[in-house]
Amino acid sequence: MIGAVHKSYCKGLGTHQSFNRAFTIHGTHYLRLMNNVAFDVKGHTIFIEDAVEKKNYIYKNLVMKTKRSWSLLNTD
């Protein structure tokens, strides 16, 4: 919930065997999420929290083997 982050980015990161989401964008605007890999993650792999977030750039991310979670939201 940081607000506008014009110069911030998440680039070239890897998440492997996570018991929770890989990336959550919550109350953040103008974030760049690029060239990341998420493998074997439970729940929404890239989660936009409240749908009020705007102008975020999600590009060229690889998501594989997403599993359902019984401990997060019903939609996870």
N, C-alpha and C. Protein backbone atom coordinates (compact mmCIF):
# COMPACT_ATOMS: atom_id res chain seq x y z
N MET A 1 0.84 -1.18 0.00
CA MET A 1 0.00 0.00 0.00
C MET A 1 0.88 1.24 0.00
N ILE A 2 1.79 1.27 -0.95
CA ILE A 2 2.77 2.34 -1.00
C ILE A 2 2.33 3.49 -1.90
N GLY A 3 1.35 3.27 -2.75
CA GLY A 3 0.89 4.32 -3.65
C GLY A 3 1.64 4.31 -4.97
N ALA A 4 1.94 5.48 -5.49
CA ALA A 4 2.62 5.61 -6.79
C ALA A 4 4.11 5.35 -6.64
N VAL A 5 4.61 4.45 -7.45
CA VAL A 5 6.03 4.08 -7.41
C VAL A 5 6.60 4.12 -8.83
N HIS A 6 6.72 5.29 -9.39
CA HIS A 6 7.10 5.47 -10.79
C HIS A 6 8.44 4.84 -11.16
N LYS A 7 9.37 4.72 -10.25
CA LYS A 7 10.70 4.20 -10.58
C LYS A 7 10.94 2.79 -10.02
N SER A 8 9.94 2.16 -9.45
CA SER A 8 10.12 0.84 -8.82
C SER A 8 9.79 -0.28 -9.80
N TYR A 9 10.46 -1.41 -9.61
CA TYR A 9 10.21 -2.58 -10.46
C TYR A 9 10.58 -3.86 -9.72
N CYS A 10 10.02 -4.96 -10.18
CA CYS A 10 10.41 -6.31 -9.78
C CYS A 10 10.81 -6.99 -11.08
N LYS A 11 12.08 -7.28 -11.25
CA LYS A 11 12.57 -7.77 -12.54
C LYS A 11 13.55 -8.91 -12.32
N GLY A 12 13.33 -10.01 -13.04
CA GLY A 12 14.25 -11.13 -13.02
C GLY A 12 14.26 -11.93 -11.73
N LEU A 13 13.14 -11.98 -11.05
CA LEU A 13 13.04 -12.72 -9.78
C LEU A 13 12.49 -14.12 -10.02
N GLY A 14 12.76 -15.02 -9.10
CA GLY A 14 12.23 -16.37 -9.19
C GLY A 14 11.59 -16.78 -7.88
N THR A 15 10.43 -17.40 -7.97
CA THR A 15 9.75 -17.96 -6.80
C THR A 15 9.51 -19.43 -7.09
N HIS A 16 9.94 -20.30 -6.17
CA HIS A 16 9.86 -21.75 -6.38
C HIS A 16 9.33 -22.42 -5.13
N GLN A 17 8.35 -23.26 -5.28
CA GLN A 17 7.72 -24.01 -4.19
C GLN A 17 7.26 -23.11 -3.05
N SER A 18 6.38 -22.18 -3.38
CA SER A 18 5.85 -21.26 -2.38
C SER A 18 4.51 -21.78 -1.86
N PHE A 19 4.27 -21.61 -0.58
CA PHE A 19 2.99 -21.99 0.02
C PHE A 19 2.00 -20.83 0.02
N ASN A 20 2.38 -19.73 -0.62
CA ASN A 20 1.52 -18.57 -0.75
C ASN A 20 1.78 -17.94 -2.11
N ARG A 21 1.16 -16.85 -2.42
CA ARG A 21 1.29 -16.22 -3.72
C ARG A 21 2.72 -15.79 -4.01
N ALA A 22 3.04 -15.66 -5.29
CA ALA A 22 4.39 -15.21 -5.67
C ALA A 22 4.50 -13.69 -5.62
N PHE A 23 3.52 -12.98 -6.21
CA PHE A 23 3.53 -11.51 -6.24
C PHE A 23 2.15 -10.99 -5.89
N THR A 24 2.07 -10.04 -4.98
CA THR A 24 0.82 -9.38 -4.64
C THR A 24 1.01 -7.88 -4.83
N ILE A 25 0.15 -7.29 -5.63
CA ILE A 25 0.18 -5.84 -5.84
C ILE A 25 -1.02 -5.27 -5.09
N HIS A 26 -0.76 -4.50 -4.04
CA HIS A 26 -1.82 -4.02 -3.15
C HIS A 26 -1.63 -2.52 -2.92
N GLY A 27 -2.57 -1.74 -3.38
CA GLY A 27 -2.51 -0.30 -3.16
C GLY A 27 -1.28 0.34 -3.81
N THR A 28 -0.83 -0.22 -4.91
CA THR A 28 0.37 0.24 -5.58
C THR A 28 0.04 0.60 -7.02
N HIS A 29 0.62 1.67 -7.50
CA HIS A 29 0.38 2.14 -8.86
C HIS A 29 1.72 2.34 -9.57
N TYR A 30 1.74 2.06 -10.87
CA TYR A 30 2.91 2.26 -11.74
C TYR A 30 4.06 1.29 -11.47
N LEU A 31 3.81 0.18 -10.82
CA LEU A 31 4.86 -0.82 -10.59
C LEU A 31 5.10 -1.61 -11.87
N ARG A 32 6.35 -1.94 -12.15
CA ARG A 32 6.69 -2.78 -13.30
C ARG A 32 7.09 -4.16 -12.81
N LEU A 33 6.37 -5.18 -13.23
CA LEU A 33 6.61 -6.58 -12.88
C LEU A 33 6.99 -7.30 -14.17
N MET A 34 8.29 -7.51 -14.38
CA MET A 34 8.78 -7.97 -15.68
C MET A 34 9.79 -9.11 -15.55
N ASN A 35 9.70 -10.06 -16.49
CA ASN A 35 10.71 -11.12 -16.65
C ASN A 35 10.94 -11.93 -15.38
N ASN A 36 9.87 -12.28 -14.68
CA ASN A 36 9.96 -13.09 -13.48
C ASN A 36 9.47 -14.50 -13.76
N VAL A 37 9.85 -15.44 -12.90
CA VAL A 37 9.41 -16.83 -13.02
C VAL A 37 8.81 -17.25 -11.69
N ALA A 38 7.63 -17.86 -11.75
CA ALA A 38 6.98 -18.43 -10.56
C ALA A 38 6.63 -19.87 -10.88
N PHE A 39 7.15 -20.81 -10.10
CA PHE A 39 6.95 -22.23 -10.35
C PHE A 39 6.52 -22.93 -9.06
N ASP A 40 5.48 -23.74 -9.15
CA ASP A 40 4.99 -24.54 -8.02
C ASP A 40 4.56 -23.64 -6.85
N VAL A 41 3.59 -22.78 -7.13
CA VAL A 41 3.09 -21.80 -6.17
C VAL A 41 1.64 -22.13 -5.81
N LYS A 42 1.27 -21.93 -4.56
CA LYS A 42 -0.12 -22.11 -4.14
C LYS A 42 -0.85 -20.78 -4.15
N GLY A 43 -2.06 -20.78 -4.65
CA GLY A 43 -2.88 -19.57 -4.68
C GLY A 43 -2.65 -18.78 -5.95
N HIS A 44 -3.24 -17.59 -6.02
CA HIS A 44 -3.05 -16.72 -7.17
C HIS A 44 -1.57 -16.39 -7.27
N THR A 45 -0.97 -16.68 -8.37
CA THR A 45 0.47 -16.44 -8.50
C THR A 45 0.78 -14.96 -8.58
N ILE A 46 0.06 -14.23 -9.42
CA ILE A 46 0.18 -12.77 -9.48
C ILE A 46 -1.18 -12.23 -9.06
N PHE A 47 -1.24 -11.61 -7.90
CA PHE A 47 -2.52 -11.23 -7.28
C PHE A 47 -2.63 -9.72 -7.20
N ILE A 48 -3.68 -9.18 -7.81
CA ILE A 48 -4.00 -7.75 -7.71
C ILE A 48 -5.04 -7.65 -6.59
N GLU A 49 -4.68 -7.10 -5.47
CA GLU A 49 -5.44 -7.20 -4.23
C GLU A 49 -6.85 -6.62 -4.29
N ASP A 50 -7.01 -5.32 -4.48
CA ASP A 50 -8.33 -4.69 -4.33
C ASP A 50 -8.95 -4.19 -5.63
N ALA A 51 -8.25 -4.31 -6.73
CA ALA A 51 -8.70 -3.82 -8.04
C ALA A 51 -8.78 -2.30 -8.12
N VAL A 52 -8.20 -1.60 -7.17
CA VAL A 52 -8.09 -0.13 -7.27
C VAL A 52 -6.69 0.25 -7.77
N GLU A 53 -5.81 -0.72 -7.84
CA GLU A 53 -4.46 -0.49 -8.32
C GLU A 53 -4.52 -0.15 -9.81
N LYS A 54 -3.72 0.80 -10.23
CA LYS A 54 -3.80 1.22 -11.64
C LYS A 54 -2.41 1.45 -12.23
N LYS A 55 -2.36 1.35 -13.55
CA LYS A 55 -1.17 1.63 -14.35
C LYS A 55 0.02 0.76 -13.98
N ASN A 56 -0.22 -0.46 -13.48
CA ASN A 56 0.85 -1.41 -13.23
C ASN A 56 1.14 -2.14 -14.53
N TYR A 57 2.40 -2.45 -14.78
CA TYR A 57 2.85 -3.05 -16.02
C TYR A 57 3.34 -4.47 -15.72
N ILE A 58 2.57 -5.46 -16.13
CA ILE A 58 2.91 -6.87 -15.90
C ILE A 58 3.24 -7.46 -17.26
N TYR A 59 4.53 -7.80 -17.48
CA TYR A 59 4.99 -8.15 -18.82
C TYR A 59 6.03 -9.27 -18.78
N LYS A 60 5.86 -10.24 -19.65
CA LYS A 60 6.83 -11.33 -19.86
C LYS A 60 7.18 -12.08 -18.59
N ASN A 61 6.18 -12.49 -17.83
CA ASN A 61 6.40 -13.33 -16.65
C ASN A 61 5.99 -14.75 -16.99
N LEU A 62 6.71 -15.72 -16.46
CA LEU A 62 6.41 -17.13 -16.68
C LEU A 62 5.84 -17.71 -15.40
N VAL A 63 4.64 -18.28 -15.49
CA VAL A 63 3.96 -18.88 -14.34
C VAL A 63 3.65 -20.33 -14.69
N MET A 64 4.13 -21.26 -13.86
CA MET A 64 3.90 -22.69 -14.11
C MET A 64 3.55 -23.41 -12.82
N LYS A 65 2.68 -24.39 -12.94
CA LYS A 65 2.30 -25.30 -11.84
C LYS A 65 1.71 -24.55 -10.64
N THR A 66 0.67 -23.79 -10.91
CA THR A 66 -0.06 -23.11 -9.84
C THR A 66 -1.03 -24.10 -9.21
N LYS A 67 -1.05 -24.17 -7.89
CA LYS A 67 -1.92 -25.12 -7.18
C LYS A 67 -2.96 -24.37 -6.35
N ARG A 68 -4.05 -25.05 -6.11
CA ARG A 68 -5.09 -24.49 -5.24
C ARG A 68 -4.63 -24.49 -3.79
N SER A 69 -5.01 -23.43 -3.09
CA SER A 69 -4.70 -23.34 -1.66
C SER A 69 -5.99 -23.41 -0.88
N TRP A 70 -5.99 -24.15 0.18
CA TRP A 70 -7.17 -24.27 1.04
C TRP A 70 -7.11 -23.30 2.23
N SER A 71 -6.02 -22.55 2.36
CA SER A 71 -5.87 -21.67 3.52
C SER A 71 -5.91 -20.19 3.17
N LEU A 72 -6.06 -19.83 1.89
CA LEU A 72 -6.13 -18.44 1.48
C LEU A 72 -7.59 -18.10 1.14
N LEU A 73 -7.82 -17.26 0.16
CA LEU A 73 -9.19 -16.94 -0.26
C LEU A 73 -9.84 -18.12 -0.96
N ASN A 74 -11.15 -18.15 -1.05
CA ASN A 74 -11.84 -19.23 -1.75
C ASN A 74 -11.43 -19.31 -3.21
N THR A 75 -11.07 -18.19 -3.82
CA THR A 75 -10.67 -18.18 -5.23
C THR A 75 -9.24 -18.63 -5.45
N ASP A 76 -8.46 -18.76 -4.39
CA ASP A 76 -7.05 -19.18 -4.54
C ASP A 76 -6.98 -20.65 -4.87
